[in-house]
Amino acid sequence: MAQSVRSKADEQFAATQKKAKQAQKEKDKAWQELTDRAARQKALRLAKEAADKEVADQIAAEKLAAKTKKSASAKKKAS
């Protein structure tokens, strides 16, 4: 009788351990998905910021070129 009680307790403990292990796997998977999504969003944000900076730099260069061109033509007229 004592053996069967211990055997039953061991089975219940094993079942509990299995459930705990499964729950931990699910939590780990959810955490990994969350970190993957965050990394993907960060990569997209950084790419967008780089593209925006490139466009802003290009616009600034065009404005500077236009300003220098106007300044040069003004100097020619003044001479």
PDB file of N, CA and C in Angstrom:
ATOM      1  N   MET A   1       0.814  -1.194   0.000  1.00  0.00           N
ATOM      2  CA  MET A   1       0.000   0.000   0.000  1.00  0.00           C
ATOM      3  C   MET A   1       0.862   1.264   0.000  1.00  0.00           C
ATOM      4  N   ALA A   2       1.920   1.282   0.808  1.00  0.00           N
ATOM      5  CA  ALA A   2       2.786   2.450   0.887  1.00  0.00           C
ATOM      6  C   ALA A   2       3.491   2.687  -0.437  1.00  0.00           C
ATOM      7  N   GLN A   3       3.827   1.628  -1.124  1.00  0.00           N
ATOM      8  CA  GLN A   3       4.496   1.752  -2.422  1.00  0.00           C
ATOM      9  C   GLN A   3       3.574   2.416  -3.450  1.00  0.00           C
ATOM     10  N   SER A   4       2.308   2.042  -3.431  1.00  0.00           N
ATOM     11  CA  SER A   4       1.385   2.619  -4.408  1.00  0.00           C
ATOM     12  C   SER A   4       1.136   4.105  -4.120  1.00  0.00           C
ATOM     13  N   VAL A   5       1.121   4.513  -2.867  1.00  0.00           N
ATOM     14  CA  VAL A   5       0.934   5.916  -2.517  1.00  0.00           C
ATOM     15  C   VAL A   5       2.147   6.720  -3.001  1.00  0.00           C
ATOM     16  N   ARG A   6       3.339   6.152  -2.765  1.00  0.00           N
ATOM     17  CA  ARG A   6       4.552   6.840  -3.207  1.00  0.00           C
ATOM     18  C   ARG A   6       4.591   6.900  -4.732  1.00  0.00           C
ATOM     19  N   SER A   7       4.217   5.819  -5.373  1.00  0.00           N
ATOM     20  CA  SER A   7       4.192   5.774  -6.832  1.00  0.00           C
ATOM     21  C   SER A   7       3.225   6.819  -7.381  1.00  0.00           C
ATOM     22  N   LYS A   8       2.071   6.933  -6.748  1.00  0.00           N
ATOM     23  CA  LYS A   8       1.073   7.911  -7.175  1.00  0.00           C
ATOM     24  C   LYS A   8       1.624   9.339  -6.978  1.00  0.00           C
ATOM     25  N   ALA A   9       2.287   9.577  -5.870  1.00  0.00           N
ATOM     26  CA  ALA A   9       2.866  10.887  -5.593  1.00  0.00           C
ATOM     27  C   ALA A   9       3.954  11.212  -6.609  1.00  0.00           C
ATOM     28  N   ASP A  10       4.765  10.226  -6.959  1.00  0.00           N
ATOM     29  CA  ASP A  10       5.807  10.429  -7.966  1.00  0.00           C
ATOM     30  C   ASP A  10       5.204  10.772  -9.326  1.00  0.00           C
ATOM     31  N   GLU A  11       4.124  10.109  -9.660  1.00  0.00           N
ATOM     32  CA  GLU A  11       3.447  10.385 -10.938  1.00  0.00           C
ATOM     33  C   GLU A  11       2.892  11.814 -10.949  1.00  0.00           C
ATOM     34  N   GLN A  12       2.290  12.212  -9.843  1.00  0.00           N
ATOM     35  CA  GLN A  12       1.738  13.566  -9.757  1.00  0.00           C
ATOM     36  C   GLN A  12       2.861  14.606  -9.829  1.00  0.00           C
ATOM     37  N   PHE A  13       3.961  14.325  -9.158  1.00  0.00           N
ATOM     38  CA  PHE A  13       5.094  15.235  -9.194  1.00  0.00           C
ATOM     39  C   PHE A  13       5.647  15.347 -10.607  1.00  0.00           C
ATOM     40  N   ALA A  14       5.759  14.202 -11.287  1.00  0.00           N
ATOM     41  CA  ALA A  14       6.265  14.208 -12.662  1.00  0.00           C
ATOM     42  C   ALA A  14       5.322  14.995 -13.571  1.00  0.00           C
ATOM     43  N   ALA A  15       4.025  14.828 -13.386  1.00  0.00           N
ATOM     44  CA  ALA A  15       3.050  15.559 -14.191  1.00  0.00           C
ATOM     45  C   ALA A  15       3.162  17.061 -13.927  1.00  0.00           C
ATOM     46  N   THR A  16       3.328  17.431 -12.674  1.00  0.00           N
ATOM     47  CA  THR A  16       3.480  18.842 -12.316  1.00  0.00           C
ATOM     48  C   THR A  16       4.745  19.419 -12.940  1.00  0.00           C
ATOM     49  N   GLN A  17       5.828  18.663 -12.884  1.00  0.00           N
ATOM     50  CA  GLN A  17       7.091  19.104 -13.484  1.00  0.00           C
ATOM     51  C   GLN A  17       6.937  19.287 -14.995  1.00  0.00           C
ATOM     52  N   LYS A  18       6.233  18.348 -15.617  1.00  0.00           N
ATOM     53  CA  LYS A  18       6.027  18.425 -17.064  1.00  0.00           C
ATOM     54  C   LYS A  18       5.225  19.682 -17.424  1.00  0.00           C
ATOM     55  N   LYS A  19       4.175  19.955 -16.642  1.00  0.00           N
ATOM     56  CA  LYS A  19       3.365  21.152 -16.890  1.00  0.00           C
ATOM     57  C   LYS A  19       4.198  22.423 -16.686  1.00  0.00           C
ATOM     58  N   ALA A  20       5.015  22.423 -15.646  1.00  0.00           N
ATOM     59  CA  ALA A  20       5.854  23.588 -15.372  1.00  0.00           C
ATOM     60  C   ALA A  20       6.859  23.805 -16.498  1.00  0.00           C
ATOM     61  N   LYS A  21       7.422  22.717 -16.994  1.00  0.00           N
ATOM     62  CA  LYS A  21       8.378  22.815 -18.093  1.00  0.00           C
ATOM     63  C   LYS A  21       7.705  23.350 -19.355  1.00  0.00           C
ATOM     64  N   GLN A  22       6.487  22.858 -19.627  1.00  0.00           N
ATOM     65  CA  GLN A  22       5.734  23.317 -20.798  1.00  0.00           C
ATOM     66  C   GLN A  22       5.390  24.800 -20.653  1.00  0.00           C
ATOM     67  N   ALA A  23       4.976  25.202 -19.464  1.00  0.00           N
ATOM     68  CA  ALA A  23       4.638  26.613 -19.229  1.00  0.00           C
ATOM     69  C   ALA A  23       5.875  27.490 -19.422  1.00  0.00           C
ATOM     70  N   GLN A  24       7.017  27.031 -18.956  1.00  0.00           N
ATOM     71  CA  GLN A  24       8.259  27.795 -19.116  1.00  0.00           C
ATOM     72  C   GLN A  24       8.636  27.922 -20.586  1.00  0.00           C
ATOM     73  N   LYS A  25       8.443  26.834 -21.345  1.00  0.00           N
ATOM     74  CA  LYS A  25       8.727  26.883 -22.783  1.00  0.00           C
ATOM     75  C   LYS A  25       7.837  27.909 -23.467  1.00  0.00           C
ATOM     76  N   GLU A  26       6.566  27.942 -23.091  1.00  0.00           N
ATOM     77  CA  GLU A  26       5.636  28.894 -23.694  1.00  0.00           C
ATOM     78  C   GLU A  26       6.020  30.333 -23.329  1.00  0.00           C
ATOM     79  N   LYS A  27       6.422  30.559 -22.080  1.00  0.00           N
ATOM     80  CA  LYS A  27       6.857  31.892 -21.665  1.00  0.00           C
ATOM     81  C   LYS A  27       8.111  32.306 -22.412  1.00  0.00           C
ATOM     82  N   ASP A  28       9.042  31.372 -22.565  1.00  0.00           N
ATOM     83  CA  ASP A  28      10.275  31.674 -23.294  1.00  0.00           C
ATOM     84  C   ASP A  28       9.977  32.007 -24.758  1.00  0.00           C
ATOM     85  N   LYS A  29       9.056  31.248 -25.352  1.00  0.00           N
ATOM     86  CA  LYS A  29       8.694  31.486 -26.750  1.00  0.00           C
ATOM     87  C   LYS A  29       8.039  32.862 -26.901  1.00  0.00           C
ATOM     88  N   ALA A  30       7.143  33.195 -25.995  1.00  0.00           N
ATOM     89  CA  ALA A  30       6.482  34.502 -26.048  1.00  0.00           C
ATOM     90  C   ALA A  30       7.499  35.624 -25.865  1.00  0.00           C
ATOM     91  N   TRP A  31       8.434  35.439 -24.948  1.00  0.00           N
ATOM     92  CA  TRP A  31       9.468  36.451 -24.717  1.00  0.00           C
ATOM     93  C   TRP A  31      10.350  36.613 -25.949  1.00  0.00           C
ATOM     94  N   GLN A  32      10.703  35.500 -26.580  1.00  0.00           N
ATOM     95  CA  GLN A  32      11.531  35.550 -27.785  1.00  0.00           C
ATOM     96  C   GLN A  32      10.809  36.273 -28.917  1.00  0.00           C
ATOM     97  N   GLU A  33       9.508  35.994 -29.068  1.00  0.00           N
ATOM     98  CA  GLU A  33       8.729  36.679 -30.094  1.00  0.00           C
ATOM     99  C   GLU A  33       8.688  38.179 -29.818  1.00  0.00           C
ATOM    100  N   LEU A  34       8.550  38.541 -28.565  1.00  0.00           N
ATOM    101  CA  LEU A  34       8.518  39.953 -28.194  1.00  0.00           C
ATOM    102  C   LEU A  34       9.851  40.632 -28.508  1.00  0.00           C
ATOM    103  N   THR A  35      10.944  39.994 -28.154  1.00  0.00           N
ATOM    104  CA  THR A  35      12.254  40.598 -28.427  1.00  0.00           C
ATOM    105  C   THR A  35      12.550  40.637 -29.919  1.00  0.00           C
ATOM    106  N   ASP A  36      12.105  39.622 -30.657  1.00  0.00           N
ATOM    107  CA  ASP A  36      12.289  39.634 -32.114  1.00  0.00           C
ATOM    108  C   ASP A  36      11.521  40.787 -32.744  1.00  0.00           C
ATOM    109  N   ARG A  37      10.276  40.985 -32.286  1.00  0.00           N
ATOM    110  CA  ARG A  37       9.458  42.066 -32.835  1.00  0.00           C
ATOM    111  C   ARG A  37      10.094  43.420 -32.506  1.00  0.00           C
ATOM    112  N   ALA A  38      10.581  43.566 -31.291  1.00  0.00           N
ATOM    113  CA  ALA A  38      11.216  44.820 -30.894  1.00  0.00           C
ATOM    114  C   ALA A  38      12.475  45.079 -31.722  1.00  0.00           C
ATOM    115  N   ALA A  39      13.257  44.037 -31.962  1.00  0.00           N
ATOM    116  CA  ALA A  39      14.471  44.187 -32.773  1.00  0.00           C
ATOM    117  C   ALA A  39      14.114  44.567 -34.210  1.00  0.00           C
ATOM    118  N   ARG A  40      13.062  43.951 -34.745  1.00  0.00           N
ATOM    119  CA  ARG A  40      12.624  44.260 -36.106  1.00  0.00           C
ATOM    120  C   ARG A  40      12.158  45.718 -36.190  1.00  0.00           C
ATOM    121  N   GLN A  41      11.388  46.156 -35.197  1.00  0.00           N
ATOM    122  CA  GLN A  41      10.911  47.540 -35.180  1.00  0.00           C
ATOM    123  C   GLN A  41      12.064  48.523 -35.044  1.00  0.00           C
ATOM    124  N   LYS A  42      13.046  48.178 -34.236  1.00  0.00           N
ATOM    125  CA  LYS A  42      14.208  49.053 -34.069  1.00  0.00           C
ATOM    126  C   LYS A  42      14.977  49.163 -35.380  1.00  0.00           C
ATOM    127  N   ALA A  43      15.146  48.026 -36.065  1.00  0.00           N
ATOM    128  CA  ALA A  43      15.863  48.043 -37.342  1.00  0.00           C
ATOM    129  C   ALA A  43      15.120  48.908 -38.365  1.00  0.00           C
ATOM    130  N   LEU A  44      13.803  48.780 -38.403  1.00  0.00           N
ATOM    131  CA  LEU A  44      13.010  49.597 -39.329  1.00  0.00           C
ATOM    132  C   LEU A  44      13.116  51.079 -38.977  1.00  0.00           C
ATOM    133  N   ARG A  45      13.062  51.392 -37.676  1.00  0.00           N
ATOM    134  CA  ARG A  45      13.159  52.784 -37.252  1.00  0.00           C
ATOM    135  C   ARG A  45      14.520  53.375 -37.610  1.00  0.00           C
ATOM    136  N   LEU A  46      15.577  52.609 -37.370  1.00  0.00           N
ATOM    137  CA  LEU A  46      16.916  53.097 -37.700  1.00  0.00           C
ATOM    138  C   LEU A  46      17.082  53.295 -39.207  1.00  0.00           C
ATOM    139  N   ALA A  47      16.522  52.389 -39.994  1.00  0.00           N
ATOM    140  CA  ALA A  47      16.600  52.526 -41.448  1.00  0.00           C
ATOM    141  C   ALA A  47      15.840  53.773 -41.909  1.00  0.00           C
ATOM    142  N   LYS A  48      14.666  54.010 -41.314  1.00  0.00           N
ATOM    143  CA  LYS A  48      13.885  55.192 -41.676  1.00  0.00           C
ATOM    144  C   LYS A  48      14.628  56.469 -41.282  1.00  0.00           C
ATOM    145  N   GLU A  49      15.215  56.469 -40.083  1.00  0.00           N
ATOM    146  CA  GLU A  49      15.957  57.646 -39.651  1.00  0.00           C
ATOM    147  C   GLU A  49      17.153  57.910 -40.563  1.00  0.00           C
ATOM    148  N   ALA A  50      17.823  56.853 -40.999  1.00  0.00           N
ATOM    149  CA  ALA A  50      18.967  57.019 -41.901  1.00  0.00           C
ATOM    150  C   ALA A  50      18.505  57.575 -43.249  1.00  0.00           C
ATOM    151  N   ALA A  51      17.393  57.067 -43.746  1.00  0.00           N
ATOM    152  CA  ALA A  51      16.864  57.556 -45.021  1.00  0.00           C
ATOM    153  C   ALA A  51      16.437  59.017 -44.896  1.00  0.00           C
ATOM    154  N   ASP A  52      15.776  59.354 -43.790  1.00  0.00           N
ATOM    155  CA  ASP A  52      15.363  60.744 -43.565  1.00  0.00           C
ATOM    156  C   ASP A  52      16.570  61.672 -43.471  1.00  0.00           C
ATOM    157  N   LYS A  53      17.618  61.215 -42.800  1.00  0.00           N
ATOM    158  CA  LYS A  53      18.832  62.029 -42.678  1.00  0.00           C
ATOM    159  C   LYS A  53      19.481  62.227 -44.039  1.00  0.00           C
ATOM    160  N   GLU A  54      19.484  61.183 -44.847  1.00  0.00           N
ATOM    161  CA  GLU A  54      20.065  61.280 -46.185  1.00  0.00           C
ATOM    162  C   GLU A  54      19.308  62.307 -47.024  1.00  0.00           C
ATOM    163  N   VAL A  55      17.980  62.268 -46.942  1.00  0.00           N
ATOM    164  CA  VAL A  55      17.164  63.227 -47.688  1.00  0.00           C
ATOM    165  C   VAL A  55      17.410  64.635 -47.163  1.00  0.00           C
ATOM    166  N   ALA A  56      17.478  64.795 -45.849  1.00  0.00           N
ATOM    167  CA  ALA A  56      17.714  66.118 -45.265  1.00  0.00           C
ATOM    168  C   ALA A  56      19.087  66.648 -45.668  1.00  0.00           C
ATOM    169  N   ASP A  57      20.087  65.772 -45.667  1.00  0.00           N
ATOM    170  CA  ASP A  57      21.426  66.194 -46.090  1.00  0.00           C
ATOM    171  C   ASP A  57      21.432  66.609 -47.561  1.00  0.00           C
ATOM    172  N   GLN A  58      20.706  65.874 -48.384  1.00  0.00           N
ATOM    173  CA  GLN A  58      20.633  66.196 -49.808  1.00  0.00           C
ATOM    174  C   GLN A  58      19.953  67.553 -50.016  1.00  0.00           C
ATOM    175  N   ILE A  59      18.886  67.801 -49.280  1.00  0.00           N
ATOM    176  CA  ILE A  59      18.178  69.074 -49.392  1.00  0.00           C
ATOM    177  C   ILE A  59      19.079  70.215 -48.923  1.00  0.00           C
ATOM    178  N   ALA A  60      19.790  69.986 -47.827  1.00  0.00           N
ATOM    179  CA  ALA A  60      20.702  71.008 -47.320  1.00  0.00           C
ATOM    180  C   ALA A  60      21.813  71.295 -48.330  1.00  0.00           C
ATOM    181  N   ALA A  61      22.319  70.274 -48.978  1.00  0.00           N
ATOM    182  CA  ALA A  61      23.371  70.462 -49.976  1.00  0.00           C
ATOM    183  C   ALA A  61      22.835  71.242 -51.178  1.00  0.00           C
ATOM    184  N   GLU A  62      21.608  70.933 -51.588  1.00  0.00           N
ATOM    185  CA  GLU A  62      21.001  71.662 -52.715  1.00  0.00           C
ATOM    186  C   GLU A  62      20.791  73.136 -52.356  1.00  0.00           C
ATOM    187  N   LYS A  63      20.349  73.403 -51.140  1.00  0.00           N
ATOM    188  CA  LYS A  63      20.143  74.789 -50.708  1.00  0.00           C
ATOM    189  C   LYS A  63      21.471  75.535 -50.664  1.00  0.00           C
ATOM    190  N   LEU A  64      22.500  74.855 -50.165  1.00  0.00           N
ATOM    191  CA  LEU A  64      23.820  75.478 -50.094  1.00  0.00           C
ATOM    192  C   LEU A  64      24.345  75.765 -51.501  1.00  0.00           C
ATOM    193  N   ALA A  65      24.139  74.823 -52.403  1.00  0.00           N
ATOM    194  CA  ALA A  65      24.594  75.018 -53.778  1.00  0.00           C
ATOM    195  C   ALA A  65      23.853  76.191 -54.422  1.00  0.00           C
ATOM    196  N   ALA A  66      22.564  76.280 -54.174  1.00  0.00           N
ATOM    197  CA  ALA A  66      21.776  77.379 -54.730  1.00  0.00           C
ATOM    198  C   ALA A  66      22.226  78.708 -54.132  1.00  0.00           C
ATOM    199  N   LYS A  67      22.511  78.700 -52.840  1.00  0.00           N
ATOM    200  CA  LYS A  67      22.956  79.922 -52.174  1.00  0.00           C
ATOM    201  C   LYS A  67      24.309  80.370 -52.717  1.00  0.00           C
ATOM    202  N   THR A  68      25.227  79.424 -52.893  1.00  0.00           N
ATOM    203  CA  THR A  68      26.556  79.772 -53.432  1.00  0.00           C
ATOM    204  C   THR A  68      26.423  80.254 -54.874  1.00  0.00           C
ATOM    205  N   LYS A  69      25.528  79.640 -55.619  1.00  0.00           N
ATOM    206  CA  LYS A  69      25.339  80.047 -57.015  1.00  0.00           C
ATOM    207  C   LYS A  69      24.801  81.481 -57.073  1.00  0.00           C
ATOM    208  N   LYS A  70      23.842  81.789 -56.208  1.00  0.00           N
ATOM    209  CA  LYS A  70      23.300  83.150 -56.165  1.00  0.00           C
ATOM    210  C   LYS A  70      24.376  84.141 -55.736  1.00  0.00           C
ATOM    211  N   SER A  71      25.158  83.742 -54.766  1.00  0.00           N
ATOM    212  CA  SER A  71      26.208  84.630 -54.249  1.00  0.00           C
ATOM    213  C   SER A  71      27.257  84.884 -55.336  1.00  0.00           C
ATOM    214  N   ALA A  72      27.604  83.858 -56.098  1.00  0.00           N
ATOM    215  CA  ALA A  72      28.585  84.012 -57.153  1.00  0.00           C
ATOM    216  C   ALA A  72      28.051  84.915 -58.270  1.00  0.00           C
ATOM    217  N   SER A  73      26.771  84.746 -58.619  1.00  0.00           N
ATOM    218  CA  SER A  73      26.216  85.582 -59.679  1.00  0.00           C
ATOM    219  C   SER A  73      26.072  87.025 -59.195  1.00  0.00           C
ATOM    220  N   ALA A  74      25.819  87.222 -57.918  1.00  0.00           N
ATOM    221  CA  ALA A  74      25.726  88.576 -57.368  1.00  0.00           C
ATOM    222  C   ALA A  74      27.084  89.266 -57.390  1.00  0.00           C
ATOM    223  N   LYS A  75      28.141  88.501 -57.120  1.00  0.00           N
ATOM    224  CA  LYS A  75      29.495  89.059 -57.144  1.00  0.00           C
ATOM    225  C   LYS A  75      29.876  89.444 -58.586  1.00  0.00           C
ATOM    226  N   LYS A  76      29.454  88.647 -59.557  1.00  0.00           N
ATOM    227  CA  LYS A  76      29.776  88.954 -60.957  1.00  0.00           C
ATOM    228  C   LYS A  76      29.076  90.252 -61.380  1.00  0.00           C
ATOM    229  N   LYS A  77      27.819  90.415 -60.945  1.00  0.00           N
ATOM    230  CA  LYS A  77      27.074  91.614 -61.307  1.00  0.00           C
ATOM    231  C   LYS A  77      27.688  92.848 -60.637  1.00  0.00           C
ATOM    232  N   ALA A  78      28.189  92.677 -59.432  1.00  0.00           N
ATOM    233  CA  ALA A  78      28.764  93.806 -58.693  1.00  0.00           C
ATOM    234  C   ALA A  78      30.081  94.254 -59.309  1.00  0.00           C
ATOM    235  N   SER A  79      30.784  93.336 -59.974  1.00  0.00           N
ATOM    236  CA  SER A  79      32.090  93.680 -60.534  1.00  0.00           C
ATOM    237  C   SER A  79      31.994  94.477 -61.752  1.00  0.00           C
TER     238      SER A  79
END
